[in-house]
């Protein structure tokens, strides 16, 4: 069974070599990976969605950021 590196949650070394070979080398920089790196995503929520998030946070006794993180983690699993 073949996998698609664009959607696979764990791309492997070499998966994007073809695409990288097509790039102009002047536009490519190589950097060693940093296992301690963190990604921070800012999410904007407004209007009725903000009110819903506030209510959900209050019911769960969590900060809004924790509710959103939980919803994202839960999205990995099928509901049925």
N, C-alpha and C. Protein backbone atom coordinates (compact mmCIF):
# COMPACT_ATOMS: atom_id res chain seq x y z
N UNK A 1 0.85 -1.18 0.00
CA UNK A 1 0.00 0.00 0.00
C UNK A 1 0.89 1.24 0.00
N UNK A 2 0.70 2.11 -0.97
CA UNK A 2 1.52 3.31 -1.03
C UNK A 2 0.89 4.41 -0.18
N UNK A 3 1.73 5.32 0.26
CA UNK A 3 1.24 6.44 1.07
C UNK A 3 1.48 7.74 0.33
N UNK A 4 0.75 8.75 0.68
CA UNK A 4 0.90 10.07 0.10
C UNK A 4 1.62 10.95 1.11
N UNK A 5 2.87 11.36 0.83
CA UNK A 5 3.61 12.15 1.81
C UNK A 5 2.97 13.49 2.14
N UNK A 6 2.09 13.98 1.25
CA UNK A 6 1.43 15.26 1.52
C UNK A 6 0.36 15.13 2.59
N UNK A 7 -0.18 13.93 2.78
CA UNK A 7 -1.22 13.74 3.79
C UNK A 7 -0.81 12.78 4.90
N UNK A 8 0.28 12.07 4.72
CA UNK A 8 0.75 11.11 5.73
C UNK A 8 1.18 11.86 6.98
N UNK A 9 0.75 11.45 8.17
CA UNK A 9 1.14 12.15 9.40
C UNK A 9 2.62 11.97 9.73
N UNK A 10 3.30 11.05 9.05
CA UNK A 10 4.71 10.82 9.35
C UNK A 10 5.50 10.70 8.05
N UNK A 11 5.72 11.83 7.34
CA UNK A 11 6.50 11.75 6.11
C UNK A 11 7.91 11.24 6.39
N UNK A 12 8.46 10.56 5.41
CA UNK A 12 9.76 9.92 5.58
C UNK A 12 10.83 10.67 4.80
N UNK A 13 12.10 10.49 5.19
CA UNK A 13 13.19 11.11 4.42
C UNK A 13 13.09 10.69 2.95
N UNK A 14 13.25 11.65 2.08
CA UNK A 14 13.20 11.38 0.65
C UNK A 14 11.84 11.58 0.03
N UNK A 15 10.79 11.71 0.84
CA UNK A 15 9.44 11.86 0.29
C UNK A 15 9.30 13.06 -0.63
N UNK A 16 10.02 14.13 -0.36
CA UNK A 16 9.85 15.35 -1.14
C UNK A 16 11.09 15.67 -1.98
N UNK A 17 11.97 14.69 -2.18
CA UNK A 17 13.18 14.92 -2.96
C UNK A 17 12.88 15.38 -4.38
N UNK A 18 11.85 14.82 -4.99
CA UNK A 18 11.48 15.22 -6.36
C UNK A 18 11.10 16.68 -6.44
N UNK A 19 10.28 17.13 -5.50
CA UNK A 19 9.87 18.53 -5.49
C UNK A 19 11.05 19.45 -5.20
N UNK A 20 11.91 19.04 -4.28
CA UNK A 20 13.07 19.86 -3.95
C UNK A 20 14.04 19.96 -5.11
N UNK A 21 14.17 18.89 -5.89
CA UNK A 21 15.09 18.90 -7.04
C UNK A 21 14.64 19.89 -8.10
N UNK A 22 13.34 20.18 -8.16
CA UNK A 22 12.81 21.11 -9.15
C UNK A 22 13.01 22.57 -8.76
N UNK A 23 13.35 22.83 -7.51
CA UNK A 23 13.52 24.21 -7.04
C UNK A 23 14.87 24.78 -7.47
N UNK A 24 14.89 26.07 -7.68
CA UNK A 24 16.13 26.77 -7.97
C UNK A 24 16.96 26.76 -6.68
N UNK A 25 18.19 26.24 -6.71
CA UNK A 25 19.00 26.16 -5.49
C UNK A 25 19.21 27.49 -4.79
N UNK A 26 19.07 28.60 -5.51
CA UNK A 26 19.21 29.92 -4.86
C UNK A 26 18.08 30.19 -3.87
N UNK A 27 16.99 29.45 -4.00
CA UNK A 27 15.82 29.67 -3.15
C UNK A 27 15.67 28.62 -2.06
N UNK A 28 16.72 27.85 -1.83
CA UNK A 28 16.66 26.76 -0.86
C UNK A 28 17.73 26.97 0.20
N UNK A 29 17.33 26.88 1.46
CA UNK A 29 18.27 26.92 2.58
C UNK A 29 18.14 25.63 3.36
N UNK A 30 19.25 25.09 3.78
CA UNK A 30 19.22 23.87 4.59
C UNK A 30 19.47 24.24 6.05
N UNK A 31 18.64 23.72 6.92
CA UNK A 31 18.80 23.93 8.35
C UNK A 31 18.66 22.59 9.06
N UNK A 32 19.52 22.34 10.02
CA UNK A 32 19.37 21.13 10.82
C UNK A 32 18.09 21.23 11.64
N UNK A 33 17.47 20.11 11.89
CA UNK A 33 16.25 20.09 12.69
C UNK A 33 16.54 20.41 14.15
N UNK A 34 15.54 20.89 14.85
CA UNK A 34 15.64 21.21 16.26
C UNK A 34 14.55 20.44 17.00
N UNK A 35 14.92 19.36 17.71
CA UNK A 35 13.89 18.57 18.40
C UNK A 35 13.19 19.33 19.51
N UNK A 36 13.74 20.46 19.94
CA UNK A 36 13.11 21.24 21.00
C UNK A 36 12.24 22.37 20.44
N UNK A 37 12.14 22.45 19.13
CA UNK A 37 11.36 23.52 18.51
C UNK A 37 9.88 23.35 18.85
N UNK A 38 9.17 24.46 18.89
CA UNK A 38 7.74 24.43 19.16
C UNK A 38 7.03 25.27 18.10
N UNK A 39 5.84 24.87 17.76
CA UNK A 39 5.02 25.60 16.82
C UNK A 39 3.87 26.23 17.61
N UNK A 40 3.72 27.53 17.45
CA UNK A 40 2.62 28.22 18.12
C UNK A 40 1.68 28.74 17.03
N UNK A 41 0.41 28.41 17.16
CA UNK A 41 -0.59 28.84 16.19
C UNK A 41 -1.57 29.76 16.91
N UNK A 42 -1.75 30.94 16.35
CA UNK A 42 -2.72 31.88 16.93
C UNK A 42 -4.04 31.69 16.20
N UNK A 43 -5.10 31.49 16.97
CA UNK A 43 -6.43 31.26 16.41
C UNK A 43 -7.31 32.44 16.78
N UNK A 44 -7.93 33.03 15.79
CA UNK A 44 -8.86 34.13 16.03
C UNK A 44 -10.28 33.61 16.03
N UNK A 45 -11.02 33.91 17.08
CA UNK A 45 -12.42 33.49 17.17
C UNK A 45 -13.22 34.74 17.53
N UNK A 46 -14.30 34.98 16.77
CA UNK A 46 -15.07 36.20 17.01
C UNK A 46 -16.57 35.90 16.96
N UNK A 47 -17.33 36.86 17.39
CA UNK A 47 -18.78 36.79 17.29
C UNK A 47 -19.39 35.63 18.07
N UNK A 48 -20.36 34.98 17.44
CA UNK A 48 -21.06 33.87 18.09
C UNK A 48 -20.12 32.72 18.42
N UNK A 49 -19.12 32.49 17.57
CA UNK A 49 -18.16 31.41 17.86
C UNK A 49 -17.37 31.71 19.13
N UNK A 50 -17.04 32.97 19.35
CA UNK A 50 -16.32 33.35 20.57
C UNK A 50 -17.20 33.12 21.80
N UNK A 51 -18.49 33.43 21.68
CA UNK A 51 -19.41 33.21 22.79
C UNK A 51 -19.55 31.73 23.09
N UNK A 52 -19.63 30.92 22.02
CA UNK A 52 -19.72 29.46 22.21
C UNK A 52 -18.47 28.92 22.90
N UNK A 53 -17.31 29.41 22.45
CA UNK A 53 -16.05 28.97 23.04
C UNK A 53 -15.97 29.37 24.52
N UNK A 54 -16.43 30.56 24.84
CA UNK A 54 -16.42 31.01 26.23
C UNK A 54 -17.32 30.13 27.09
N UNK A 55 -18.51 29.79 26.57
CA UNK A 55 -19.42 28.92 27.32
C UNK A 55 -18.82 27.53 27.50
N UNK A 56 -18.26 26.99 26.43
CA UNK A 56 -17.66 25.67 26.50
C UNK A 56 -16.49 25.64 27.48
N UNK A 57 -15.68 26.68 27.47
CA UNK A 57 -14.55 26.78 28.40
C UNK A 57 -15.04 26.81 29.84
N UNK A 58 -16.09 27.57 30.08
CA UNK A 58 -16.62 27.68 31.44
C UNK A 58 -17.18 26.34 31.91
N UNK A 59 -17.93 25.67 31.06
CA UNK A 59 -18.51 24.37 31.42
C UNK A 59 -17.41 23.36 31.72
N UNK A 60 -16.35 23.37 30.93
CA UNK A 60 -15.26 22.41 31.11
C UNK A 60 -14.28 22.83 32.21
N UNK A 61 -14.38 24.08 32.66
CA UNK A 61 -13.43 24.57 33.65
C UNK A 61 -12.02 24.67 33.10
N UNK A 62 -11.91 25.01 31.83
CA UNK A 62 -10.61 25.12 31.17
C UNK A 62 -10.45 26.49 30.53
N UNK A 63 -9.19 26.80 30.18
CA UNK A 63 -8.93 28.00 29.39
C UNK A 63 -9.35 27.71 27.95
N UNK A 64 -9.68 28.76 27.22
CA UNK A 64 -10.11 28.59 25.83
C UNK A 64 -9.05 27.86 25.01
N UNK A 65 -7.78 28.17 25.23
CA UNK A 65 -6.70 27.51 24.48
C UNK A 65 -6.69 26.01 24.73
N UNK A 66 -6.99 25.60 25.96
CA UNK A 66 -7.02 24.17 26.28
C UNK A 66 -8.22 23.47 25.63
N UNK A 67 -9.34 24.18 25.55
CA UNK A 67 -10.52 23.62 24.88
C UNK A 67 -10.22 23.41 23.40
N UNK A 68 -9.61 24.41 22.76
CA UNK A 68 -9.28 24.30 21.34
C UNK A 68 -8.28 23.17 21.12
N UNK A 69 -7.27 23.07 21.96
CA UNK A 69 -6.29 21.99 21.83
C UNK A 69 -6.97 20.63 21.95
N UNK A 70 -7.89 20.49 22.88
CA UNK A 70 -8.61 19.24 23.05
C UNK A 70 -9.47 18.91 21.84
N UNK A 71 -10.13 19.92 21.29
CA UNK A 71 -10.95 19.70 20.10
C UNK A 71 -10.09 19.25 18.92
N UNK A 72 -8.92 19.85 18.78
CA UNK A 72 -8.02 19.45 17.69
C UNK A 72 -7.52 18.02 17.89
N UNK A 73 -7.19 17.66 19.12
CA UNK A 73 -6.75 16.28 19.38
C UNK A 73 -7.88 15.30 19.09
N UNK A 74 -9.11 15.65 19.50
CA UNK A 74 -10.25 14.77 19.28
C UNK A 74 -10.58 14.63 17.80
N UNK A 75 -10.23 15.61 16.98
CA UNK A 75 -10.54 15.57 15.54
C UNK A 75 -9.77 14.46 14.83
N UNK A 76 -8.76 13.91 15.45
CA UNK A 76 -7.98 12.82 14.84
C UNK A 76 -8.74 11.52 14.86
N UNK A 77 -9.76 11.40 15.69
CA UNK A 77 -10.46 10.13 15.86
C UNK A 77 -11.85 10.22 15.25
N UNK A 78 -12.28 9.19 14.54
CA UNK A 78 -13.64 9.23 13.95
C UNK A 78 -14.70 9.25 15.04
N UNK A 79 -15.78 9.94 14.76
CA UNK A 79 -16.87 10.05 15.74
C UNK A 79 -17.70 8.79 15.80
N UNK A 80 -17.76 8.04 14.73
CA UNK A 80 -18.60 6.83 14.72
C UNK A 80 -17.77 5.58 14.95
